[in-house]
Protein backbone atom coordinates (compact mmCIF):
# COMPACT_ATOMS: atom_id res chain seq x y z
CA MET A 1 309.87 239.83 39.71
CA SER A 2 306.14 239.32 39.18
CA ASP A 3 306.97 236.33 36.96
CA VAL A 4 308.75 234.60 39.84
CA ILE A 5 305.89 235.30 42.25
CA GLY A 6 303.43 234.09 39.62
CA TYR A 7 305.30 230.82 39.14
CA ILE A 8 305.51 230.31 42.91
CA LEU A 9 301.74 230.82 43.19
CA ILE A 10 301.17 228.38 40.34
CA VAL A 11 303.25 225.71 42.09
CA LEU A 12 301.44 226.34 45.39
CA GLY A 13 298.10 226.12 43.60
CA VAL A 14 299.00 222.81 42.02
CA LEU A 15 300.13 221.48 45.42
CA PHE A 16 296.86 222.50 47.07
CA ASN A 17 294.92 220.86 44.24
CA ILE A 18 296.91 217.65 44.75
CA PHE A 19 296.23 217.75 48.51
CA GLY A 20 292.53 218.22 47.81
CA CYS A 21 292.53 215.22 45.48
CA VAL A 22 294.30 213.10 48.09
CA GLY A 23 291.70 214.16 50.66
CA LEU A 24 288.95 213.30 48.22
CA VAL A 25 290.27 209.76 47.96
CA ARG A 26 291.31 209.24 51.59
CA PHE A 27 288.49 210.72 53.68
CA PRO A 28 285.76 208.34 54.87
CA ASP A 29 282.42 209.98 54.01
CA VAL A 30 280.87 212.45 51.61
CA TYR A 31 280.94 215.33 54.08
CA ASN A 32 284.65 215.07 54.85
CA ARG A 33 285.39 214.62 51.16
CA LEU A 34 283.43 217.74 50.34
CA GLN A 35 285.41 219.69 52.90
CA ALA A 36 288.74 218.53 51.49
CA SER A 37 287.80 219.08 47.90
CA THR A 38 286.12 222.43 48.42
CA LYS A 39 288.66 224.11 50.64
CA CYS A 40 291.87 222.80 49.09
CA VAL A 41 290.78 222.86 45.48
CA THR A 42 289.19 226.30 45.75
CA LEU A 43 292.34 227.76 47.30
CA GLY A 44 294.56 225.87 44.88
CA THR A 45 292.63 226.96 41.82
CA VAL A 46 292.50 230.57 42.93
CA LEU A 47 296.26 230.56 43.64
CA LEU A 48 296.86 229.01 40.25
CA LEU A 49 294.74 231.61 38.47
CA VAL A 50 296.33 234.52 40.34
CA GLY A 51 299.72 233.07 39.46
CA VAL A 52 298.74 232.93 35.81
CA ALA A 53 297.54 236.53 36.00
CA LEU A 54 300.84 237.65 37.49
CA ALA A 55 303.00 235.58 35.17
CA SER A 56 301.17 236.69 32.03
CA GLY A 57 301.40 240.36 32.91
CA SER A 58 298.59 242.74 32.17
CA GLY A 59 296.17 242.07 29.39
CA ALA A 60 293.29 239.89 28.40
CA MET A 61 294.70 236.69 29.90
CA ALA A 62 295.24 238.30 33.30
CA ALA A 63 291.74 239.77 33.26
CA LYS A 64 290.20 236.41 32.38
CA ALA A 65 292.18 234.67 35.12
CA VAL A 66 291.00 237.16 37.74
CA ILE A 67 287.38 236.87 36.57
CA CYS A 68 287.60 233.07 36.75
CA ALA A 69 289.14 233.27 40.24
CA VAL A 70 286.27 235.44 41.47
CA PHE A 71 283.77 233.04 39.89
CA ILE A 72 285.43 230.04 41.59
CA LEU A 73 285.43 231.85 44.95
CA ALA A 74 281.72 232.55 44.65
CA THR A 75 280.44 229.25 43.27
CA SER A 76 282.57 226.49 44.76
CA PRO A 77 281.60 226.95 48.44
CA THR A 78 277.97 227.51 47.45
CA ALA A 79 277.89 224.31 45.42
CA ALA A 80 279.55 222.31 48.20
CA HIS A 81 277.01 223.61 50.71
CA ALA A 82 274.14 222.62 48.41
CA ILE A 83 275.62 219.15 47.83
CA ALA A 84 276.16 218.57 51.56
CA LYS A 85 272.67 219.74 52.46
CA GLY A 86 271.18 217.57 49.71
CA ALA A 87 273.18 214.55 50.85
CA TYR A 88 272.02 215.05 54.43
CA ALA A 89 268.40 215.51 53.37
CA SER A 90 268.48 212.36 51.25
CA GLY A 91 269.77 210.32 54.17
CA VAL A 92 273.45 209.81 53.38
CA ALA A 93 274.91 208.58 56.66
CA LEU A 94 277.71 210.26 58.51
CA TRP A 95 280.90 208.34 59.18
CA GLU A 96 280.37 205.92 62.09
CA GLN A 97 283.08 207.63 64.16
CA THR A 98 281.54 211.09 63.78
CA VAL A 99 281.34 212.73 67.19
CA VAL A 100 279.02 215.71 66.66
CA ASP A 101 276.13 216.29 64.27
CA ARG A 102 275.21 219.93 64.83
CA TYR A 103 272.95 220.12 61.79
CA GLY A 104 270.96 217.13 63.02
CA GLU A 105 270.71 218.68 66.48
CA HIS A 106 269.49 221.92 64.91
CA LEU A 107 266.84 220.07 62.90
CA LYS A 108 265.61 218.27 66.04
CA GLU A 109 265.30 221.58 67.90
CA LYS A 110 263.24 223.10 65.09
CA SER A 111 260.71 220.25 65.03
């Protein structure tokens, strides 16, 4: 039974990774692309790794998959935040149809 659940999670993980890649290509600016790639690919990779852990049973492979999933959960959002903040600080423009820039408003209030 855990094999079936593991394979279902692997398929879901691959689908989320594909959706993240499509968002990476289709979205208009770096900030939207970061959102698509970070959220979808993080969830997809974690689902894939948990599926591998379940499908492989207990053992070294399952332990490595869980450790990698925890590492991805910790580092991927942190890296995306750093990239977005660096892009904003270096002057990368928002998409021309962006409605709200809360970070820019916050920076104006501080100064």
